[in-house]
Protein backbone atom coordinates (compact mmCIF):
# COMPACT_ATOMS: atom_id res chain seq x y z
CA GLN A 1 -21.94 -5.70 44.66
CA ALA A 2 -23.62 -7.68 41.89
CA ALA A 3 -20.28 -9.39 41.18
CA GLY A 4 -20.09 -10.66 44.75
CA PHE A 5 -17.76 -8.14 46.33
CA ASP A 6 -18.31 -7.41 50.01
CA GLY A 7 -17.47 -3.74 49.71
CA VAL A 8 -15.71 -0.90 47.96
CA GLU A 9 -13.19 1.80 48.82
CA ILE A 10 -13.95 5.25 47.46
CA MET A 11 -10.77 7.18 46.66
CA GLY A 12 -11.13 10.60 48.24
CA SER A 13 -7.43 11.31 48.70
CA GLU A 14 -4.07 11.76 46.95
CA GLY A 15 -5.33 14.72 44.94
CA TYR A 16 -7.75 12.85 42.69
CA LEU A 17 -11.05 14.39 41.62
CA ILE A 18 -12.96 13.94 44.88
CA ASN A 19 -10.06 15.35 46.88
CA GLU A 20 -9.79 18.29 44.47
CA PHE A 21 -13.35 19.33 45.33
CA THR A 22 -12.49 19.67 49.04
CA VAL A 23 -9.85 22.45 48.94
CA THR A 24 -9.80 25.96 47.54
CA PRO A 25 -6.67 25.80 45.34
CA THR A 26 -8.40 23.33 43.01
CA ASN A 27 -12.07 24.12 43.63
CA LYS A 28 -12.87 27.48 42.03
CA ARG A 29 -16.60 26.84 41.70
CA GLU A 30 -19.01 29.58 42.72
CA ASP A 31 -22.14 27.43 42.88
CA GLY A 32 -23.36 25.04 45.56
CA TRP A 33 -20.33 22.78 45.05
CA GLY A 34 -17.67 25.36 45.89
CA GLY A 35 -16.86 28.25 48.16
CA ASN A 36 -17.23 27.44 51.85
CA ALA A 37 -16.22 24.11 53.37
CA GLU A 38 -19.79 22.85 53.50
CA ASN A 39 -20.13 23.24 49.74
CA ARG A 40 -16.65 21.88 48.98
CA HIS A 41 -17.44 18.77 51.02
CA ARG A 42 -20.75 18.23 49.27
CA PHE A 43 -19.31 16.17 46.39
CA PRO A 44 -17.69 13.38 48.51
CA VAL A 45 -20.63 13.35 50.93
CA GLU A 46 -23.18 12.96 48.14
CA ILE A 47 -21.11 10.17 46.56
CA VAL A 48 -21.01 8.16 49.80
CA ARG A 49 -24.70 8.81 50.45
CA ALA A 50 -25.66 7.68 46.93
CA VAL A 51 -23.57 4.50 47.18
CA ARG A 52 -25.19 3.64 50.49
CA GLU A 53 -28.67 4.22 49.09
CA ARG A 54 -28.05 2.03 46.05
CA CYS A 55 -26.17 -0.78 47.81
CA GLY A 56 -28.10 -0.99 51.08
CA PRO A 57 -26.96 -1.46 54.68
CA GLY A 58 -25.04 -4.73 54.24
CA PHE A 59 -22.43 -3.46 51.78
CA LEU A 60 -19.06 -2.31 53.17
CA ILE A 61 -18.14 1.27 52.24
CA ILE A 62 -14.62 2.46 52.97
CA TYR A 63 -13.79 6.09 52.26
CA ARG A 64 -10.13 7.02 51.86
CA ILE A 65 -9.82 10.51 53.25
CA SER A 66 -6.83 12.78 52.75
CA ALA A 67 -5.45 13.04 56.28
CA ALA A 68 -2.64 15.38 55.18
CA ASP A 69 -2.72 17.02 51.74
CA LEU A 70 0.92 18.21 51.94
CA VAL A 71 0.25 20.92 49.35
CA GLU A 72 -0.09 24.68 49.78
CA GLY A 73 -3.68 25.61 50.50
CA GLY A 74 -4.51 22.08 51.58
CA ALA A 75 -7.10 21.29 54.20
CA HIS A 76 -6.68 22.28 57.86
CA SER A 77 -7.19 19.54 60.44
CA ASP A 78 -10.52 21.11 61.48
CA GLU A 79 -11.85 20.75 57.93
CA ILE A 80 -10.53 17.18 57.67
CA ALA A 81 -12.27 16.29 60.93
CA ALA A 82 -15.49 17.93 59.77
CA LEU A 83 -15.40 16.02 56.48
CA ALA A 84 -14.71 12.77 58.32
CA ARG A 85 -17.81 13.25 60.47
CA LYS A 86 -19.93 14.04 57.41
CA ILE A 87 -18.66 10.95 55.60
CA GLU A 88 -19.51 8.85 58.64
CA ALA A 89 -23.02 10.31 58.76
CA ALA A 90 -23.48 9.67 55.04
CA GLY A 91 -23.03 5.95 55.59
CA ALA A 92 -19.34 5.01 55.42
CA ASP A 93 -18.28 2.06 57.59
CA ILE A 94 -14.52 2.71 57.68
CA LEU A 95 -12.20 5.63 57.01
CA ASN A 96 -8.86 4.86 55.42
CA THR A 97 -6.23 7.60 55.50
CA GLY A 98 -4.34 8.81 52.46
CA ILE A 99 -1.21 10.94 52.80
CA GLY A 100 -0.14 13.64 50.37
CA TRP A 101 -1.19 14.58 46.88
CA HIS A 102 0.81 13.26 43.95
CA GLU A 103 1.72 16.90 43.28
CA SER A 104 3.23 17.27 46.75
CA ARG A 105 6.94 17.97 47.05
CA VAL A 106 7.08 15.97 50.27
CA PRO A 107 8.05 12.27 50.06
CA THR A 108 5.28 10.05 51.44
CA ILE A 109 6.02 6.37 50.83
CA ALA A 110 9.62 5.94 49.65
CA TYR A 111 12.58 4.89 51.79
CA PRO A 112 13.54 8.47 52.89
CA VAL A 113 10.28 8.53 54.88
CA PRO A 114 10.74 7.09 58.40
CA ARG A 115 8.55 4.17 59.38
CA GLY A 116 5.22 5.21 60.86
CA ALA A 117 5.82 8.88 60.05
CA TRP A 118 2.13 9.53 59.35
CA ARG A 119 0.50 7.79 62.33
CA LYS A 120 -0.41 11.08 64.00
CA ALA A 121 -2.41 12.09 60.93
CA ALA A 122 -4.48 8.93 61.26
CA ALA A 123 -4.88 9.57 64.99
CA ASN A 124 -6.32 13.02 64.25
CA VAL A 125 -8.99 11.48 62.03
CA LYS A 126 -9.74 8.78 64.58
CA ALA A 127 -10.37 11.42 67.24
CA ALA A 128 -13.12 12.91 65.08
CA VAL A 129 -15.26 9.82 64.38
CA SER A 130 -16.61 6.67 65.96
CA ILE A 131 -16.16 4.33 62.98
CA PRO A 132 -12.85 2.46 62.50
CA VAL A 133 -9.90 4.38 61.05
CA VAL A 134 -7.08 2.83 59.04
CA ALA A 135 -3.43 3.97 59.17
CA SER A 136 -1.34 3.62 56.01
CA ASN A 137 1.99 4.47 54.38
CA ARG A 138 5.44 3.24 55.53
CA ILE A 139 4.19 0.59 57.92
CA ASN A 140 6.20 -2.50 57.01
CA THR A 141 6.62 -4.66 60.12
CA PRO A 142 4.12 -6.38 62.41
CA GLU A 143 5.80 -4.79 65.42
CA LEU A 144 5.14 -1.27 64.13
CA ALA A 145 1.60 -2.15 63.10
CA GLU A 146 0.90 -3.58 66.54
CA ASP A 147 2.32 -0.49 68.24
CA ILE A 148 0.04 1.79 66.21
CA LEU A 149 -2.98 -0.32 67.10
CA THR A 150 -2.25 -0.69 70.81
CA SER A 151 -1.47 3.03 71.12
CA GLY A 152 -4.93 3.85 69.83
CA ASP A 153 -3.66 5.87 66.86
CA ALA A 154 -5.69 3.68 64.50
CA ASP A 155 -8.02 0.68 64.47
CA MET A 156 -6.65 -1.07 61.39
CA ILE A 157 -3.52 -1.08 59.24
CA SER A 158 -3.38 -0.82 55.45
CA MET A 159 -0.46 -2.44 53.62
CA ALA A 160 0.29 -3.15 49.98
CA ARG A 161 4.01 -3.31 49.16
CA PRO A 162 4.82 -5.43 52.25
CA PHE A 163 2.63 -8.18 50.74
CA LEU A 164 4.61 -8.04 47.50
CA ALA A 165 7.77 -8.47 49.54
CA ASP A 166 6.23 -11.37 51.47
CA PRO A 167 2.76 -12.73 50.66
CA HIS A 168 2.90 -14.75 53.89
CA PHE A 169 3.35 -11.65 56.06
CA VAL A 170 0.16 -12.22 58.06
CA LYS A 171 0.55 -16.00 58.28
CA LYS A 172 4.10 -15.72 59.61
CA THR A 173 3.02 -13.11 62.14
CA ARG A 174 0.12 -15.25 63.33
CA GLU A 175 2.44 -18.26 63.72
CA GLY A 176 5.06 -16.33 65.69
CA ARG A 177 7.54 -16.31 62.82
CA ALA A 178 7.77 -12.56 62.26
CA ASN A 179 11.55 -12.89 62.11
CA GLU A 180 11.11 -14.84 58.85
CA ILE A 181 9.24 -12.04 57.07
CA ASN A 182 10.92 -10.69 53.94
CA THR A 183 10.46 -7.00 54.70
CA CYS A 184 9.56 -4.29 52.18
CA ILE A 185 12.40 -1.75 52.02
CA ALA A 186 10.30 0.98 50.31
CA CYS A 187 12.71 1.21 47.37
CA ASN A 188 9.83 1.28 44.83
CA GLN A 189 12.27 -0.02 42.26
CA ALA A 190 10.26 -2.98 40.99
CA CYS A 191 6.74 -2.03 42.08
CA LEU A 192 5.89 1.62 41.40
CA ASP A 193 8.79 2.24 39.02
CA PHE A 194 7.78 -0.81 36.97
CA ILE A 195 4.15 0.32 36.89
CA PHE A 196 5.12 3.84 35.82
CA SER A 197 7.15 2.40 32.94
CA ASP A 198 4.38 0.05 31.74
CA ARG A 199 5.97 -3.10 33.15
CA PRO A 200 4.27 -5.75 35.31
CA VAL A 201 4.67 -5.07 39.01
CA GLY A 202 7.40 -6.95 40.86
CA CYS A 203 9.52 -6.66 44.01
CA LEU A 204 13.24 -6.14 44.52
CA VAL A 205 13.49 -8.38 47.58
CA ASN A 206 11.04 -10.99 46.24
CA PRO A 207 11.57 -11.87 42.56
CA LYS A 208 8.59 -14.23 42.68
CA ALA A 209 6.08 -11.41 43.24
CA GLY A 210 3.71 -11.32 40.27
CA ARG A 211 5.66 -14.11 38.60
CA GLU A 212 4.75 -17.03 40.84
CA THR A 213 4.10 -19.45 37.98
CA GLU A 214 7.72 -19.08 36.82
CA PHE A 215 9.08 -20.68 40.00
CA ARG A 216 8.88 -24.14 41.57
CA ASP A 217 8.13 -24.67 45.23
CA THR A 218 8.94 -28.39 45.44
CA PRO A 219 12.32 -29.85 46.45
CA ALA A 220 14.92 -30.57 43.78
CA ASP A 221 14.68 -34.02 42.20
CA THR A 222 18.45 -34.50 42.45
CA PRO A 223 20.04 -32.55 45.29
CA LYS A 224 23.48 -31.19 44.47
CA LYS A 225 26.49 -30.04 46.40
CA VAL A 226 26.72 -26.33 45.61
CA ALA A 227 29.42 -23.78 46.36
CA VAL A 228 28.49 -20.09 46.32
CA VAL A 229 31.41 -17.66 46.38
CA GLY A 230 30.41 -14.24 47.61
CA GLY A 231 27.97 -13.24 50.35
CA GLY A 232 26.39 -10.19 48.78
CA ALA A 233 22.81 -9.90 47.54
CA ALA A 234 23.27 -12.34 44.66
CA GLY A 235 25.19 -14.92 46.70
CA MET A 236 22.82 -14.84 49.66
CA ALA A 237 19.74 -15.15 47.43
CA THR A 238 21.28 -18.12 45.60
CA ALA A 239 22.37 -19.89 48.77
CA ALA A 240 19.08 -19.39 50.62
CA GLU A 241 16.89 -20.54 47.75
CA ALA A 242 19.09 -23.47 46.75
CA ALA A 243 19.19 -24.74 50.33
CA ARG A 244 15.42 -24.32 50.65
CA LEU A 245 15.02 -26.59 47.63
CA GLY A 246 17.17 -29.28 49.22
CA HIS A 247 20.66 -28.67 47.86
CA ALA A 248 23.71 -28.86 50.13
CA VAL A 249 25.12 -25.34 49.99
CA THR A 250 28.39 -23.85 51.22
CA LEU A 251 28.78 -20.09 51.07
CA PHE A 252 32.28 -18.55 51.01
CA GLU A 253 32.66 -14.88 51.96
CA ALA A 254 36.07 -13.19 52.21
CA GLN A 255 34.83 -10.53 54.64
CA ASP A 256 33.84 -11.11 58.26
CA LYS A 257 30.18 -10.36 57.55
CA LEU A 258 27.53 -10.93 54.91
CA GLY A 259 26.09 -8.25 52.67
CA GLY A 260 28.74 -7.25 50.16
CA GLN A 261 27.71 -4.06 48.38
CA LEU A 262 24.50 -3.92 50.45
CA ASN A 263 26.68 -2.84 53.35
CA LEU A 264 27.64 0.21 51.32
CA ALA A 265 24.14 0.90 50.02
CA ARG A 266 22.68 0.76 53.52
CA ALA A 267 24.93 3.63 54.61
CA ALA A 268 23.01 6.07 52.39
CA PRO A 269 20.27 8.08 54.12
CA GLY A 270 17.09 6.02 54.44
CA LYS A 271 18.62 2.93 52.92
CA ASP A 272 19.27 1.31 56.26
CA GLU A 273 16.12 -0.64 55.37
CA PHE A 274 18.58 -2.97 53.62
CA ASP A 275 19.30 -4.22 57.14
CA GLU A 276 16.01 -6.10 56.86
CA THR A 277 17.13 -7.77 53.64
CA LEU A 278 20.36 -8.86 55.28
CA ARG A 279 18.44 -10.16 58.29
CA TYR A 280 16.00 -12.09 56.11
CA TYR A 281 18.57 -13.86 53.96
CA ALA A 282 20.87 -14.60 56.89
CA GLY A 283 17.91 -16.17 58.67
CA GLN A 284 16.85 -18.18 55.65
CA MET A 285 20.35 -19.54 55.17
CA GLN A 286 20.52 -20.57 58.80
CA LYS A 287 17.06 -22.14 58.70
CA HIS A 288 17.84 -24.22 55.63
CA GLY A 289 21.30 -25.30 56.70
CA VAL A 290 23.69 -23.30 54.54
CA THR A 291 27.30 -23.80 55.68
CA GLN A 292 28.83 -20.35 55.97
CA ARG A 293 32.57 -19.82 55.72
CA LEU A 294 33.14 -16.17 56.56
CA ARG A 295 36.60 -14.62 56.43
CA GLN A 296 37.58 -17.21 53.85
CA ARG A 297 38.59 -16.05 50.39
CA ALA A 298 37.87 -19.20 48.39
CA ASP A 299 40.54 -20.51 46.04
CA VAL A 300 40.45 -23.27 43.47
CA SER A 301 41.36 -25.97 45.97
CA ASP A 302 38.44 -24.99 48.26
CA LEU A 303 35.99 -25.63 45.44
CA GLU A 304 36.98 -29.18 44.56
CA GLY A 305 34.25 -31.78 44.87
CA PHE A 306 31.27 -29.47 44.33
CA ASP A 307 28.69 -30.26 41.68
CA HIS A 308 28.12 -26.62 40.91
CA VAL A 309 30.12 -23.46 41.62
CA VAL A 310 28.39 -20.07 41.64
CA ILE A 311 30.56 -16.98 41.40
CA ALA A 312 28.90 -13.99 43.09
CA THR A 313 32.05 -12.05 43.93
CA GLY A 314 30.53 -8.69 43.03
CA VAL A 315 32.33 -5.58 41.85
CA MET A 316 35.20 -3.26 42.59
CA PRO A 317 35.14 0.54 42.15
CA ARG A 318 36.46 1.56 38.74
CA ILE A 319 39.55 3.77 38.95
CA PRO A 320 39.73 6.13 35.95
CA ASP A 321 42.97 6.64 34.08
CA LEU A 322 43.57 10.24 35.07
CA PRO A 323 46.79 12.11 35.97
CA GLY A 324 46.93 12.52 39.74
CA ILE A 325 44.40 9.78 40.46
CA ASP A 326 46.70 8.60 43.26
CA HIS A 327 46.56 12.00 44.99
CA HIS A 328 45.91 11.84 48.75
CA SER A 329 42.59 13.67 48.31
CA VAL A 330 41.10 10.86 46.19
CA ALA A 331 38.82 8.24 47.74
CA THR A 332 36.43 5.67 46.29
CA TYR A 333 32.73 5.59 47.09
CA ALA A 334 33.36 2.33 48.93
CA GLU A 335 35.89 3.98 51.24
CA ILE A 336 33.52 6.86 52.01
CA LEU A 337 30.35 4.83 52.57
CA SER A 338 32.16 2.20 54.64
CA GLY A 339 33.66 4.85 56.90
CA ASP A 340 37.22 3.89 56.02
CA ARG A 341 37.81 7.45 54.80
CA LEU A 342 36.35 10.68 56.16
CA ALA A 343 35.57 13.47 53.72
CA GLY A 344 36.63 17.07 54.19
CA ASP A 345 34.45 20.17 53.97
CA ARG A 346 34.95 20.69 50.23
CA VAL A 347 34.05 17.59 48.23
CA VAL A 348 33.89 16.79 44.54
CA VAL A 349 31.92 13.71 43.57
CA MET A 350 33.01 12.34 40.21
CA GLY A 351 29.96 10.63 38.76
CA ALA A 352 26.28 11.53 39.04
CA GLY A 353 24.58 8.17 38.75
CA GLY A 354 22.73 6.45 41.57
CA ILE A 355 25.90 5.90 43.58
CA GLY A 356 27.04 9.48 43.09
CA HIS A 357 23.71 10.81 44.34
CA ASP A 358 23.73 8.49 47.35
CA VAL A 359 27.27 9.55 48.24
CA ALA A 360 26.41 13.24 47.85
CA GLU A 361 23.40 12.91 50.17
CA PHE A 362 25.47 10.89 52.63
CA LEU A 363 27.99 13.74 52.74
CA VAL A 364 25.51 16.59 53.33
CA THR A 365 23.16 14.92 55.82
CA GLU A 366 23.44 12.99 59.04
CA PRO A 367 22.24 9.55 57.91
CA ALA A 368 21.83 8.23 61.44
CA LYS A 369 19.14 10.87 62.08
CA THR A 370 17.12 10.39 58.90
CA ALA A 371 15.00 7.64 60.47
CA ASN A 372 13.66 10.16 63.01
CA SER A 373 10.16 11.42 62.16
CA ASP A 374 10.72 14.82 63.80
CA VAL A 375 13.89 15.34 61.77
CA PHE A 376 12.05 14.27 58.62
CA CYS A 377 9.22 16.74 59.28
CA GLU A 378 11.68 19.55 59.97
CA THR A 379 13.66 18.75 56.82
CA TRP A 380 10.64 18.69 54.52
CA GLY A 381 8.53 21.43 56.12
CA VAL A 382 5.83 19.16 57.54
CA ASP A 383 3.75 20.06 60.58
CA PRO A 384 4.42 17.12 62.96
CA GLU A 385 0.98 17.56 64.54
CA PHE A 386 -0.76 17.62 61.12
CA VAL A 387 -3.08 20.47 62.06
CA SER A 388 -2.02 23.33 59.76
CA SER A 389 -3.26 23.96 56.23
CA GLY A 390 -2.01 21.09 54.10
CA ALA A 391 -0.12 19.84 57.17
CA LEU A 392 2.75 22.08 56.09
CA ALA A 393 4.95 24.11 58.41
CA GLY A 394 7.14 25.60 55.72
CA ASP A 395 8.40 25.25 52.17
CA PRO A 396 9.34 21.59 51.49
CA LEU A 397 12.13 22.84 49.24
CA ALA A 398 13.51 25.49 51.58
CA PRO A 399 17.32 25.44 51.69
CA LYS A 400 18.90 23.45 54.50
CA PRO A 401 22.57 24.40 54.60
CA SER A 402 25.22 21.75 55.08
CA ARG A 403 28.66 22.23 56.57
CA ARG A 404 30.08 20.58 53.46
CA LYS A 405 30.23 22.12 50.03
CA VAL A 406 29.61 19.28 47.56
CA VAL A 407 29.90 19.47 43.79
CA MET A 408 28.73 16.50 41.74
CA LEU A 409 30.05 16.06 38.19
CA GLN A 410 29.39 13.81 35.25
CA ARG A 411 30.76 13.48 31.75
CA LYS A 412 27.37 12.84 30.18
CA THR A 413 25.57 15.88 28.84
CA ALA A 414 22.23 14.58 30.08
CA LYS A 415 20.63 16.06 33.18
CA PRO A 416 22.36 14.70 36.29
CA GLY A 417 20.17 12.08 37.90
CA ALA A 418 18.17 11.38 34.74
CA GLY A 419 18.56 7.64 35.27
CA LEU A 420 17.30 7.58 38.87
CA GLY A 421 14.07 5.81 39.81
CA VAL A 422 10.85 7.40 38.56
CA SER A 423 9.24 7.48 42.00
CA THR A 424 12.34 8.25 44.06
CA GLY A 425 14.69 10.24 41.83
CA TRP A 426 12.83 13.51 42.36
CA ILE A 427 13.18 13.08 46.11
CA LEU A 428 16.92 12.60 45.91
CA ARG A 429 17.41 15.50 43.48
CA ASN A 430 15.34 17.82 45.69
CA ALA A 431 17.18 16.71 48.83
CA LEU A 432 20.52 17.55 47.23
CA ARG A 433 19.27 20.92 46.00
CA LYS A 434 18.00 21.72 49.52
CA HIS A 435 21.46 21.03 50.88
CA GLY A 436 23.17 23.17 48.28
CA VAL A 437 24.76 20.41 46.21
CA GLU A 438 25.81 21.70 42.79
CA ALA A 439 25.48 19.29 39.85
CA MET A 440 27.22 19.74 36.52
CA GLY A 441 27.05 17.66 33.36
CA GLY A 442 29.09 17.56 30.18
CA VAL A 443 32.44 17.98 31.91
CA THR A 444 35.81 16.58 30.90
CA TYR A 445 38.19 15.49 33.64
CA GLU A 446 41.75 16.70 33.08
CA ARG A 447 43.88 16.00 36.17
CA ILE A 448 44.04 16.09 39.96
CA ASP A 449 46.66 17.95 41.99
CA ASP A 450 46.99 20.02 45.17
CA ALA A 451 44.79 22.73 43.64
CA GLY A 452 41.91 20.30 43.19
CA LEU A 453 40.18 18.70 40.21
CA HIS A 454 40.93 20.28 36.85
CA ILE A 455 38.03 20.03 34.39
CA VAL A 456 36.76 21.53 31.16
CA ALA A 457 33.14 22.71 31.30
CA ASP A 458 31.34 24.52 28.49
CA GLY A 459 34.64 24.64 26.64
CA MET A 460 36.38 26.49 29.45
CA PRO A 461 39.05 25.13 31.82
CA LYS A 462 38.17 25.24 35.48
CA VAL A 463 39.66 24.10 38.78
CA ILE A 464 37.39 22.91 41.58
CA ALA A 465 39.16 23.13 44.92
CA ALA A 466 38.54 20.06 47.02
CA ASP A 467 39.66 18.48 50.25
CA THR A 468 38.21 15.17 49.05
CA ILE A 469 37.51 13.83 45.58
CA VAL A 470 35.19 10.82 45.60
CA LEU A 471 35.27 8.39 42.70
CA CYS A 472 31.79 7.24 41.68
CA THR A 473 33.01 6.42 38.19
CA GLY A 474 31.55 2.98 37.79
CA GLN A 475 32.49 -0.55 38.78
CA GLU A 476 34.51 -3.43 37.45
CA PRO A 477 33.42 -7.06 37.89
CA GLU A 478 35.51 -9.12 40.31
CA ARG A 479 36.23 -12.22 38.19
CA THR A 480 39.69 -13.28 39.32
CA LEU A 481 38.53 -16.59 40.80
CA ALA A 482 36.18 -17.27 37.90
CA GLN A 483 39.04 -16.90 35.47
CA GLU A 484 41.24 -19.24 37.49
CA LEU A 485 38.50 -21.88 37.58
CA ALA A 486 37.83 -21.53 33.86
CA ALA A 487 41.54 -22.02 33.16
CA ARG A 488 41.33 -25.37 34.98
CA GLY A 489 38.18 -26.42 33.18
CA VAL A 490 35.90 -26.06 36.19
CA PRO A 491 32.40 -24.99 35.06
CA VAL A 492 31.05 -21.98 36.92
CA THR A 493 28.02 -19.69 36.74
CA MET A 494 28.52 -15.98 37.30
CA ILE A 495 25.73 -13.80 38.64
CA GLY A 496 25.20 -10.30 40.00
CA GLY A 497 28.02 -7.79 39.74
CA ALA A 498 30.55 -10.48 38.79
CA LYS A 499 28.46 -11.11 35.69
CA GLU A 500 27.67 -7.50 34.84
CA ALA A 501 29.09 -4.50 36.68
CA ALA A 502 26.44 -1.89 36.13
CA GLU A 503 25.05 0.31 38.91
CA LEU A 504 24.83 -1.48 42.25
CA ASP A 505 21.71 -3.38 41.26
CA ALA A 506 20.24 -5.48 44.06
CA LEU A 507 17.10 -6.05 41.97
CA ARG A 508 19.00 -7.90 39.26
CA ALA A 509 21.34 -9.61 41.73
CA ILE A 510 18.57 -11.14 43.83
CA ASP A 511 16.50 -12.11 40.79
CA GLU A 512 19.46 -13.85 39.15
CA GLY A 513 20.34 -15.63 42.39
CA VAL A 514 16.86 -17.03 42.99
CA ARG A 515 16.40 -18.06 39.36
CA LEU A 516 19.78 -19.79 39.28
CA ALA A 517 18.92 -21.74 42.43
CA GLN A 518 15.62 -22.75 40.89
CA GLY A 519 17.37 -24.09 37.82
CA LEU A 520 20.04 -26.20 39.52
């Protein structure tokens, strides 16, 4: 208050100290601060009361209440409502709603969580008080926010990551340009995962987030004629940004649609949020006049007369040198995720990196249903009405049998999935365990035949019977055109998967594309 702030939010949720006082699993006190609900609520109530007394009536106090603990022994809705009323009486002006403790085994903010999944929890709090209530978590579009407000489920909306994705979110909405918003896809890859690894926060879909001083926003001094070959994440980011800065850009894409590897990634459960990224970049290219040549595989003659050629031709699945690799049971991850091949009931996934995990989840779930809040609640044992203790209706890790038997293998001896995102990897690993996916590391692939995949594990030979064997064994850069151009002395710049074929890395691809456009 002395520093000029208008108000403060007191963190009474997510399992931090104040929240720990309110429930019996963490509050074992036997004095006036523990025991019955009145005593367990005393700590947050006294904090709010003391802040109000010290700061006076003109200072805004927001209290973030845990609207759904999502842990065993968590608060029942009656206790949450009672606490909300006490906090209001103690002097709070607004109640924000937090969802889930950090110790919870239920996903709360990552892409597997459907949009607006927690709105009912906020509505329960709103029904208990007369002060404004804020809804939060997995609200990433103005349309959803408006629906929550007009329905009466909440009075305000809290967002954070959507403003990393697009700092002009509110301005664009106000001006009727919501279709130009760069939407948060809840991947957490460059925001939470960066924070948890002691790196400055960023954003996968917006490389400028937190690094604004590294980029120019003025038109290029000398506009160039630029060719971008490849319409995946890297190519679209390059084309959109270069055109925005005034360059004349032509984008060549061999397929009949934009997206490249994003079209495969978006097939994984929950990752249909990539649709928003495709929409955003397609819109930006159209707005800034990028000439798009779809269904045209560019050759050397097509690229004559350009000042700069950008090769963003992406990757191809790596095919291991293994006897029987041409067996009819073998399919690549691209064939499976694109729908070109259908998997049988017994599947072996060769490779347990990010792609292998996505493919395994794709095979044991019904991806089209994962955006449904009721299905999400049923899958993770959440009470859809948010009234039970901890808002749980069962064990979040209870088995959920799949019609397919999936075994995921890797040659590395490390724990399968060790390289997944810090904030999302545990979700994916738990989802696969729930669906009975078996993961094995330290295996040696021997051969493939009618009996299945022959391996050596723990020094012992073994045959895994399979109707389908999916190759998630890495990628190779697609550089054919780049090599042809180099042979003719045409200077090119390679970005994205064409430059480095690691995991399908949209974060690096988009960052490289925007930075290249900035440096033209």
